[in-house]
Amino acid sequence: MGAGVTARTPVEKEPVPTVVFIGRLSANKRPEHAIRAFGLVRRQLPDAHMWVIGSGPGEAKLRRTAGPGVIFLGHVSDEEKRERLARAHVLVATSVREGWGLVVTEAAESGTVSIGYDVPGLRDSIGASGGVLTRADPVSLATGLVRLLSSVAGGYGPRARPAGVVPWAEVAAAILAVAQGARSPVMGPADRMTDRDRACRSDAADCVPQAPVAASRYVPRQPAPSDFQEEVLER
């Protein structure tokens, strides 16, 4: 996975606790989990807002069922996406799985910490960027969101770390080097295969650069307040 990981100039955060969800509004991204969790958060943080960036087959239903404070922005430009990522306090990620979760790294570049489900891909990107992982259900996510929003908005929460991926320039250079070696007239086909195989087995880090990933961190599941327990039953 490649991406630039240079932190951008800090941008002033929103005056009220603000969550942002970015992704296709489809079943594999589980935006309904994010919106349901935010609804529970609003009961403890009534001034909180949530921006939903993206569109998809589930958008109409989500717009009908979303509660107060949820703002659907649809498709936005890259510039606006980066700006809102920087202004938000927390990015929420609820996918079934990801290859990495590039939006988490983009959020970290903007100085915004992420919270999301402990699933393949997200556990790597969120762990590497200093975020928080929760169990894959809206109540656990809401519990973590309340704590994280309160701490970040209060100025004492975890800080995002824009790290964990290899820049595209380095990926391209590595691919080019392999391609040039394969075309070299000095070695025969059998020799090239043997040498490349030997190199990968003797020093795999040269073949596929690996970035250090921080250990996953769980937000312990807490008993939900009685006033929203019923919502948990809606799957």
C-alpha atoms as a PDB file:
ATOM      1  CA  MET A   1       0.000   0.000   0.000  1.00  0.00           C
ATOM      2  CA  GLY A   2       1.396   3.361  -0.914  1.00  0.00           C
ATOM      3  CA  ALA A   3       0.565   6.841   0.195  1.00  0.00           C
ATOM      4  CA  GLY A   4       2.245  10.041   1.204  1.00  0.00           C
ATOM      5  CA  VAL A   5       2.413  10.350   4.967  1.00  0.00           C
ATOM      6  CA  THR A   6       3.548  13.922   5.450  1.00  0.00           C
ATOM      7  CA  ALA A   7       1.485  15.703   8.076  1.00  0.00           C
ATOM      8  CA  ARG A   8      -0.305  18.814   6.844  1.00  0.00           C
ATOM      9  CA  THR A   9      -0.471  22.190   8.507  1.00  0.00           C
ATOM     10  CA  PRO A  10      -2.847  21.951  11.500  1.00  0.00           C
ATOM     11  CA  VAL A  11      -6.356  23.280  10.931  1.00  0.00           C
ATOM     12  CA  GLU A  12      -8.641  24.601  13.655  1.00  0.00           C
ATOM     13  CA  LYS A  13     -11.174  22.007  14.779  1.00  0.00           C
ATOM     14  CA  GLU A  14     -14.926  22.533  14.791  1.00  0.00           C
ATOM     15  CA  PRO A  15     -16.343  24.357  17.846  1.00  0.00           C
ATOM     16  CA  VAL A  16     -18.557  21.349  18.693  1.00  0.00           C
ATOM     17  CA  PRO A  17     -17.613  17.627  18.820  1.00  0.00           C
ATOM     18  CA  THR A  18     -17.625  16.485  15.203  1.00  0.00           C
ATOM     19  CA  VAL A  19     -17.430  12.995  13.723  1.00  0.00           C
ATOM     20  CA  VAL A  20     -16.821  12.282  10.047  1.00  0.00           C
ATOM     21  CA  PHE A  21     -17.620   9.127   8.075  1.00  0.00           C
ATOM     22  CA  ILE A  22     -16.118   8.783   4.594  1.00  0.00           C
ATOM     23  CA  GLY A  23     -16.965   5.939   2.268  1.00  0.00           C
ATOM     24  CA  ARG A  24     -19.445   4.351  -0.076  1.00  0.00           C
ATOM     25  CA  LEU A  25     -22.884   4.072   1.490  1.00  0.00           C
ATOM     26  CA  SER A  26     -23.149   0.342   0.939  1.00  0.00           C
ATOM     27  CA  ALA A  27     -23.444  -2.795   3.060  1.00  0.00           C
ATOM     28  CA  ASN A  28     -19.724  -3.577   3.147  1.00  0.00           C
ATOM     29  CA  LYS A  29     -18.940  -0.193   4.748  1.00  0.00           C
ATOM     30  CA  ARG A  30     -21.757  -0.497   7.329  1.00  0.00           C
ATOM     31  CA  PRO A  31     -22.570   3.236   7.452  1.00  0.00           C
ATOM     32  CA  GLU A  32     -25.757   2.383   9.361  1.00  0.00           C
ATOM     33  CA  HIS A  33     -23.553   1.210  12.255  1.00  0.00           C
ATOM     34  CA  ALA A  34     -21.721   4.528  12.321  1.00  0.00           C
ATOM     35  CA  ILE A  35     -24.964   6.523  12.221  1.00  0.00           C
ATOM     36  CA  ARG A  36     -26.632   4.360  14.867  1.00  0.00           C
ATOM     37  CA  ALA A  37     -23.612   4.711  17.145  1.00  0.00           C
ATOM     38  CA  PHE A  38     -23.658   8.476  16.632  1.00  0.00           C
ATOM     39  CA  GLY A  39     -27.312   8.550  17.636  1.00  0.00           C
ATOM     40  CA  LEU A  40     -26.323   6.989  20.959  1.00  0.00           C
ATOM     41  CA  VAL A  41     -23.463   9.464  21.324  1.00  0.00           C
ATOM     42  CA  ARG A  42     -25.871  12.399  20.908  1.00  0.00           C
ATOM     43  CA  ARG A  43     -27.699  11.340  24.050  1.00  0.00           C
ATOM     44  CA  GLN A  44     -24.584  12.138  26.051  1.00  0.00           C
ATOM     45  CA  LEU A  45     -23.109  14.832  23.785  1.00  0.00           C
ATOM     46  CA  PRO A  46     -26.188  16.634  22.421  1.00  0.00           C
ATOM     47  CA  ASP A  47     -24.166  19.269  20.549  1.00  0.00           C
ATOM     48  CA  ALA A  48     -22.217  16.707  18.525  1.00  0.00           C
ATOM     49  CA  HIS A  49     -22.419  16.635  14.728  1.00  0.00           C
ATOM     50  CA  MET A  50     -21.653  13.970  12.149  1.00  0.00           C
ATOM     51  CA  TRP A  51     -20.634  14.527   8.538  1.00  0.00           C
ATOM     52  CA  VAL A  52     -21.342  11.695   6.121  1.00  0.00           C
ATOM     53  CA  ILE A  53     -19.239  11.964   2.968  1.00  0.00           C
ATOM     54  CA  GLY A  54     -20.017   9.597   0.124  1.00  0.00           C
ATOM     55  CA  SER A  55     -22.952   8.142  -1.740  1.00  0.00           C
ATOM     56  CA  GLY A  56     -24.245   4.724  -2.664  1.00  0.00           C
ATOM     57  CA  PRO A  57     -27.235   2.381  -2.777  1.00  0.00           C
ATOM     58  CA  GLY A  58     -28.061   2.817   0.905  1.00  0.00           C
ATOM     59  CA  GLU A  59     -28.141   6.607   0.890  1.00  0.00           C
ATOM     60  CA  ALA A  60     -31.906   7.122   0.577  1.00  0.00           C
ATOM     61  CA  LYS A  61     -32.734   4.849   3.510  1.00  0.00           C
ATOM     62  CA  LEU A  62     -29.966   6.332   5.651  1.00  0.00           C
ATOM     63  CA  ARG A  63     -31.248   9.842   5.018  1.00  0.00           C
ATOM     64  CA  ARG A  64     -34.763   8.779   6.079  1.00  0.00           C
ATOM     65  CA  THR A  65     -33.662   7.072   9.287  1.00  0.00           C
ATOM     66  CA  ALA A  66     -30.782   9.260  10.488  1.00  0.00           C
ATOM     67  CA  GLY A  67     -31.379  11.266  13.626  1.00  0.00           C
ATOM     68  CA  PRO A  68     -30.531  14.873  14.511  1.00  0.00           C
ATOM     69  CA  GLY A  69     -27.031  16.126  13.935  1.00  0.00           C
ATOM     70  CA  VAL A  70     -26.267  13.896  10.920  1.00  0.00           C
ATOM     71  CA  ILE A  71     -25.379  15.893   7.800  1.00  0.00           C
ATOM     72  CA  PHE A  72     -25.151  14.109   4.438  1.00  0.00           C
ATOM     73  CA  LEU A  73     -22.698  15.790   2.086  1.00  0.00           C
ATOM     74  CA  GLY A  74     -22.667  13.276  -0.772  1.00  0.00           C
ATOM     75  CA  HIS A  75     -19.655  13.290  -3.067  1.00  0.00           C
ATOM     76  CA  VAL A  76     -17.254  16.160  -2.368  1.00  0.00           C
ATOM     77  CA  SER A  77     -14.025  17.342  -3.951  1.00  0.00           C
ATOM     78  CA  ASP A  78     -10.684  16.088  -2.654  1.00  0.00           C
ATOM     79  CA  GLU A  79      -9.993  19.562  -1.317  1.00  0.00           C
ATOM     80  CA  GLU A  80     -13.212  19.675   0.690  1.00  0.00           C
ATOM     81  CA  LYS A  81     -12.657  16.125   1.924  1.00  0.00           C
ATOM     82  CA  ARG A  82      -9.213  17.031   3.257  1.00  0.00           C
ATOM     83  CA  GLU A  83     -10.560  20.205   4.846  1.00  0.00           C
ATOM     84  CA  ARG A  84     -13.385  18.420   6.641  1.00  0.00           C
ATOM     85  CA  LEU A  85     -11.069  15.622   7.748  1.00  0.00           C
ATOM     86  CA  ALA A  86      -8.855  18.246   9.352  1.00  0.00           C
ATOM     87  CA  ARG A  87     -11.731  20.095  11.020  1.00  0.00           C
ATOM     88  CA  ALA A  88     -13.386  16.981  12.445  1.00  0.00           C
ATOM     89  CA  HIS A  89     -12.358  15.632  15.836  1.00  0.00           C
ATOM     90  CA  VAL A  90     -12.697  11.946  14.956  1.00  0.00           C
ATOM     91  CA  LEU A  91     -12.991   9.757  11.849  1.00  0.00           C
ATOM     92  CA  VAL A  92     -15.203   6.696  12.294  1.00  0.00           C
ATOM     93  CA  ALA A  93     -14.635   3.508  10.241  1.00  0.00           C
ATOM     94  CA  THR A  94     -17.075   0.592  10.320  1.00  0.00           C
ATOM     95  CA  SER A  95     -16.202  -1.538   7.273  1.00  0.00           C
ATOM     96  CA  VAL A  96     -16.615  -5.308   7.227  1.00  0.00           C
ATOM     97  CA  ARG A  97     -12.953  -5.424   6.186  1.00  0.00           C
ATOM     98  CA  GLU A  98     -10.389  -3.318   4.347  1.00  0.00           C
ATOM     99  CA  GLY A  99      -7.179  -3.971   2.458  1.00  0.00           C
ATOM    100  CA  TRP A 100      -5.645  -1.255   4.630  1.00  0.00           C
ATOM    101  CA  GLY A 101      -8.030   1.609   5.270  1.00  0.00           C
ATOM    102  CA  LEU A 102      -6.350   4.478   3.420  1.00  0.00           C
ATOM    103  CA  VAL A 103      -8.846   7.053   4.692  1.00  0.00           C
ATOM    104  CA  VAL A 104      -7.514   6.382   8.196  1.00  0.00           C
ATOM    105  CA  THR A 105      -4.026   7.393   7.045  1.00  0.00           C
ATOM    106  CA  GLU A 106      -5.454  10.445   5.264  1.00  0.00           C
ATOM    107  CA  ALA A 107      -7.184  11.457   8.488  1.00  0.00           C
ATOM    108  CA  ALA A 108      -3.944  11.056  10.440  1.00  0.00           C
ATOM    109  CA  GLU A 109      -2.144  13.244   7.899  1.00  0.00           C
ATOM    110  CA  SER A 110      -4.741  15.904   8.690  1.00  0.00           C
ATOM    111  CA  GLY A 111      -4.235  15.545  12.440  1.00  0.00           C
ATOM    112  CA  THR A 112      -7.470  13.638  13.033  1.00  0.00           C
ATOM    113  CA  VAL A 113      -7.562  10.440  15.054  1.00  0.00           C
ATOM    114  CA  SER A 114      -9.692   7.454  14.000  1.00  0.00           C
ATOM    115  CA  ILE A 115     -11.921   5.006  15.807  1.00  0.00           C
ATOM    116  CA  GLY A 116     -13.162   1.869  14.117  1.00  0.00           C
ATOM    117  CA  TYR A 117     -13.921  -1.800  14.202  1.00  0.00           C
ATOM    118  CA  ASP A 118     -11.268  -4.381  14.975  1.00  0.00           C
ATOM    119  CA  VAL A 119     -11.438  -6.097  11.572  1.00  0.00           C
ATOM    120  CA  PRO A 120      -8.811  -6.995   8.945  1.00  0.00           C
ATOM    121  CA  GLY A 121      -7.201  -3.912   7.451  1.00  0.00           C
ATOM    122  CA  LEU A 122      -8.644  -1.401   9.908  1.00  0.00           C
ATOM    123  CA  ARG A 123      -6.825  -2.962  12.840  1.00  0.00           C
ATOM    124  CA  ASP A 124      -3.581  -2.315  10.954  1.00  0.00           C
ATOM    125  CA  SER A 125      -4.205   1.233   9.747  1.00  0.00           C
ATOM    126  CA  ILE A 126      -5.897   2.425  12.945  1.00  0.00           C
ATOM    127  CA  GLY A 127      -3.231   0.798  15.091  1.00  0.00           C
ATOM    128  CA  ALA A 128      -0.428   2.366  13.047  1.00  0.00           C
ATOM    129  CA  SER A 129      -1.986   5.842  13.189  1.00  0.00           C
ATOM    130  CA  GLY A 130      -2.601   5.934  16.941  1.00  0.00           C
ATOM    131  CA  GLY A 131      -6.360   5.391  16.852  1.00  0.00           C
ATOM    132  CA  VAL A 132      -8.792   3.283  18.876  1.00  0.00           C
ATOM    133  CA  LEU A 133     -10.314  -0.087  17.996  1.00  0.00           C
ATOM    134  CA  THR A 134     -13.648  -1.394  19.262  1.00  0.00           C
ATOM    135  CA  ARG A 135     -15.738  -4.504  18.882  1.00  0.00           C
ATOM    136  CA  ALA A 136     -17.868  -4.548  15.747  1.00  0.00           C
ATOM    137  CA  ASP A 137     -21.174  -3.356  17.168  1.00  0.00           C
ATOM    138  CA  PRO A 138     -22.744   0.104  17.481  1.00  0.00           C
ATOM    139  CA  VAL A 139     -22.896   0.154  21.294  1.00  0.00           C
ATOM    140  CA  SER A 140     -19.174  -0.572  21.701  1.00  0.00           C
ATOM    141  CA  LEU A 141     -18.456   2.027  19.033  1.00  0.00           C
ATOM    142  CA  ALA A 142     -20.686   4.592  20.769  1.00  0.00           C
ATOM    143  CA  THR A 143     -18.961   3.975  24.107  1.00  0.00           C
ATOM    144  CA  GLY A 144     -15.572   4.540  22.524  1.00  0.00           C
ATOM    145  CA  LEU A 145     -16.777   7.575  20.593  1.00  0.00           C
ATOM    146  CA  VAL A 146     -18.061   9.345  23.701  1.00  0.00           C
ATOM    147  CA  ARG A 147     -14.716   8.886  25.431  1.00  0.00           C
ATOM    148  CA  LEU A 148     -12.651   9.784  22.397  1.00  0.00           C
ATOM    149  CA  LEU A 149     -14.690  12.835  21.389  1.00  0.00           C
ATOM    150  CA  SER A 150     -14.652  14.145  24.943  1.00  0.00           C
ATOM    151  CA  SER A 151     -10.891  13.744  25.272  1.00  0.00           C
ATOM    152  CA  VAL A 152      -9.984  15.091  21.836  1.00  0.00           C
ATOM    153  CA  ALA A 153     -12.341  18.058  22.082  1.00  0.00           C
ATOM    154  CA  GLY A 154     -10.927  18.706  25.559  1.00  0.00           C
ATOM    155  CA  GLY A 155      -7.385  18.774  24.198  1.00  0.00           C
ATOM    156  CA  TYR A 156      -6.057  15.729  26.052  1.00  0.00           C
ATOM    157  CA  GLY A 157      -6.944  12.861  23.709  1.00  0.00           C
ATOM    158  CA  PRO A 158      -4.631  10.636  21.640  1.00  0.00           C
ATOM    159  CA  ARG A 159      -2.728  12.272  18.813  1.00  0.00           C
ATOM    160  CA  ALA A 160      -2.883  10.940  15.272  1.00  0.00           C
ATOM    161  CA  ARG A 161       0.362   9.586  13.819  1.00  0.00           C
ATOM    162  CA  PRO A 162       0.601   9.829   9.997  1.00  0.00           C
ATOM    163  CA  ALA A 163       2.541   6.583   9.618  1.00  0.00           C
ATOM    164  CA  GLY A 164       2.221   2.980   8.607  1.00  0.00           C
ATOM    165  CA  VAL A 165       2.390   2.900   4.811  1.00  0.00           C
ATOM    166  CA  VAL A 166       5.092   3.117   2.170  1.00  0.00           C
ATOM    167  CA  PRO A 167       4.997   6.227  -0.090  1.00  0.00           C
ATOM    168  CA  TRP A 168       3.906   5.549  -3.683  1.00  0.00           C
ATOM    169  CA  ALA A 169       7.237   6.870  -4.971  1.00  0.00           C
ATOM    170  CA  GLU A 170       9.079   4.136  -3.071  1.00  0.00           C
ATOM    171  CA  VAL A 171       6.645   1.470  -4.261  1.00  0.00           C
ATOM    172  CA  ALA A 172       7.080   2.587  -7.881  1.00  0.00           C
ATOM    173  CA  ALA A 173      10.870   2.624  -7.559  1.00  0.00           C
ATOM    174  CA  ALA A 174      10.881  -0.917  -6.164  1.00  0.00           C
ATOM    175  CA  ILE A 175       8.635  -2.198  -8.962  1.00  0.00           C
ATOM    176  CA  LEU A 176      10.824  -0.494 -11.584  1.00  0.00           C
ATOM    177  CA  ALA A 177      13.965  -2.042 -10.101  1.00  0.00           C
ATOM    178  CA  VAL A 178      12.434  -5.528 -10.266  1.00  0.00           C
ATOM    179  CA  ALA A 179      11.259  -4.962 -13.841  1.00  0.00           C
ATOM    180  CA  GLN A 180      14.682  -3.722 -14.953  1.00  0.00           C
ATOM    181  CA  GLY A 181      16.376  -6.710 -13.323  1.00  0.00           C
ATOM    182  CA  ALA A 182      14.046  -9.095 -15.121  1.00  0.00           C
ATOM    183  CA  ARG A 183      14.974  -7.536 -18.477  1.00  0.00           C
ATOM    184  CA  SER A 184      18.732  -7.667 -17.810  1.00  0.00           C
ATOM    185  CA  PRO A 185      20.609  -9.392 -20.748  1.00  0.00           C
ATOM    186  CA  VAL A 186      23.396 -10.572 -18.420  1.00  0.00           C
ATOM    187  CA  MET A 187      21.381 -13.401 -16.857  1.00  0.00           C
ATOM    188  CA  GLY A 188      19.406 -16.149 -18.524  1.00  0.00           C
ATOM    189  CA  PRO A 189      15.741 -16.743 -17.612  1.00  0.00           C
ATOM    190  CA  ALA A 190      16.551 -19.611 -15.244  1.00  0.00           C
ATOM    191  CA  ASP A 191      19.246 -17.588 -13.467  1.00  0.00           C
ATOM    192  CA  ARG A 192      16.938 -14.598 -13.019  1.00  0.00           C
ATOM    193  CA  MET A 193      14.235 -16.716 -11.425  1.00  0.00           C
ATOM    194  CA  THR A 194      16.690 -18.415  -9.092  1.00  0.00           C
ATOM    195  CA  ASP A 195      18.322 -15.166  -7.963  1.00  0.00           C
ATOM    196  CA  ARG A 196      15.052 -13.349  -7.407  1.00  0.00           C
ATOM    197  CA  ASP A 197      13.625 -16.269  -5.459  1.00  0.00           C
ATOM    198  CA  ARG A 198      16.776 -16.500  -3.338  1.00  0.00           C
ATOM    199  CA  ALA A 199      16.673 -12.743  -2.613  1.00  0.00           C
ATOM    200  CA  CYS A 200      13.065 -12.835  -1.473  1.00  0.00           C
ATOM    201  CA  ARG A 201      13.656 -15.773   0.792  1.00  0.00           C
ATOM    202  CA  SER A 202      16.857 -14.423   2.311  1.00  0.00           C
ATOM    203  CA  ASP A 203      15.651 -10.877   2.943  1.00  0.00           C
ATOM    204  CA  ALA A 204      11.887 -10.525   2.529  1.00  0.00           C
ATOM    205  CA  ALA A 205      11.943  -6.940   3.771  1.00  0.00           C
ATOM    206  CA  ASP A 206      13.695  -5.897   0.536  1.00  0.00           C
ATOM    207  CA  CYS A 207      10.919  -7.432  -1.538  1.00  0.00           C
ATOM    208  CA  VAL A 208       7.910  -6.158   0.375  1.00  0.00           C
ATOM    209  CA  PRO A 209       8.698  -3.254   2.738  1.00  0.00           C
ATOM    210  CA  GLN A 210       6.857  -3.700   6.006  1.00  0.00           C
ATOM    211  CA  ALA A 211       5.892  -0.835   8.294  1.00  0.00           C
ATOM    212  CA  PRO A 212       5.704  -1.264  12.051  1.00  0.00           C
ATOM    213  CA  VAL A 213       2.154  -1.519  13.340  1.00  0.00           C
ATOM    214  CA  ALA A 214       1.191  -0.592  16.854  1.00  0.00           C
ATOM    215  CA  ALA A 215      -0.682  -3.098  18.968  1.00  0.00           C
ATOM    216  CA  SER A 216      -4.453  -3.022  18.774  1.00  0.00           C
ATOM    217  CA  ARG A 217      -6.221  -1.244  21.592  1.00  0.00           C
ATOM    218  CA  TYR A 218      -9.714  -2.142  22.707  1.00  0.00           C
ATOM    219  CA  VAL A 219     -12.281   0.085  24.316  1.00  0.00           C
ATOM    220  CA  PRO A 220     -13.830  -2.217  26.938  1.00  0.00           C
ATOM    221  CA  ARG A 221     -17.474  -2.816  26.277  1.00  0.00           C
ATOM    222  CA  GLN A 222     -19.550  -0.953  28.815  1.00  0.00           C
ATOM    223  CA  PRO A 223     -23.173  -1.580  29.786  1.00  0.00           C
ATOM    224  CA  ALA A 224     -25.297   0.704  27.669  1.00  0.00           C
ATOM    225  CA  PRO A 225     -27.435   3.306  29.430  1.00  0.00           C
ATOM    226  CA  SER A 226     -30.978   2.035  29.769  1.00  0.00           C
ATOM    227  CA  ASP A 227     -32.386   4.819  27.609  1.00  0.00           C
ATOM    228  CA  PHE A 228     -30.884   3.431  24.412  1.00  0.00           C
ATOM    229  CA  GLN A 229     -30.582  -0.296  25.067  1.00  0.00           C
ATOM    230  CA  GLU A 230     -33.492  -1.055  22.746  1.00  0.00           C
ATOM    231  CA  GLU A 231     -31.621   0.384  19.725  1.00  0.00           C
ATOM    232  CA  VAL A 232     -28.956  -2.268  20.053  1.00  0.00           C
ATOM    233  CA  LEU A 233     -31.483  -4.927  19.103  1.00  0.00           C
ATOM    234  CA  GLU A 234     -31.937  -3.401  15.652  1.00  0.00           C
ATOM    235  CA  ARG A 235     -29.520  -5.315  13.464  1.00  0.00           C
END
